[in-house]
């Protein structure tokens, strides 16, 4: 297959391209090396991809319609749209840019999908769209969506745009709601990577709130299995699908597991709750099991051990 991946130099995108190239697909990667974190990390993520003749890379912004039109051929089989301005807290500081990139950029790609007759579009959504919904575990049929950050709002908007284009133009649109993905190459600003850094360096960590917030931590290999299955999915034209681990872990429990893996105790301090943070995420993955044969297999302990192995042996930044 010929597959376009946007945001393919990032954490999830680079792992996905690893798998797709290994499986023999032709890949077009579009990434603008957004300055949200160190550009060199992302360049390192994709360095080995250039060894494949079936790989091509374009460096530009998805808001640039002319450039994406030139980069994406009409015989593309599927677009996997992972590119976005990331992060809940930064979106509160700069909501206009988040809306511009995440909504207008997605609209650009959907327009191109329509105009070039591309039949399939996979969209990286987020568990953050559920927001303050107290009915856990969260299932896709639950319509009580209460996002509490601009980032979450842009992801929900992307899902709705996808429904419009699927309904009007017959594009198969799958929105995959990712739940707290972690593993090797995880962004350095995210909790697990940040905690490993601070504990490894003997520094204190700040826990925002009382440490009882809970997250459905999902290992990167399980997420990639879900995306690859979505690429092959031939069912209905529009679906929203949770990709999580179907387990929820308290923050203080996570820290204990990290301490165990590192063999070091953490120095903790507590700070105020952060705007945009939700109390709990927890995925109902019944739909993913049914439609994608999705079956997450990595325990938190195994995933953290894999991350630590990468951290001490491979990590360069």
Foldseek 3Di string as FASTA:
>chain_A
DEEEEEPLLADLNLVLLVVCVVVPYQYEYEYQQDVPDDSVLSCVSCVCVVVDPSYDYDHDALLPLVVVLVRDALPHAEYEYPDADDDFQVCQVPVVVRLCRLASSLVSVLVSCQVSVHAEYEYEAALLQQPQPPDPPDDPVDPNGDHFGSNSVSRVNSLVVLVVSCVPRVHQYEYEHEWAEDAARHDCVDDLNVLLVQQVVVHADEAADDQFAKTQYAYSVLVSLLVVLVSVFDDDRYYYFYRTQQDIDTRVRLQVLLCVLVVTHHHYDYHHHDGRDYRYHGHDHPVSCVRRVRDGDDDSNNRSNRRVVCVVPPDDD
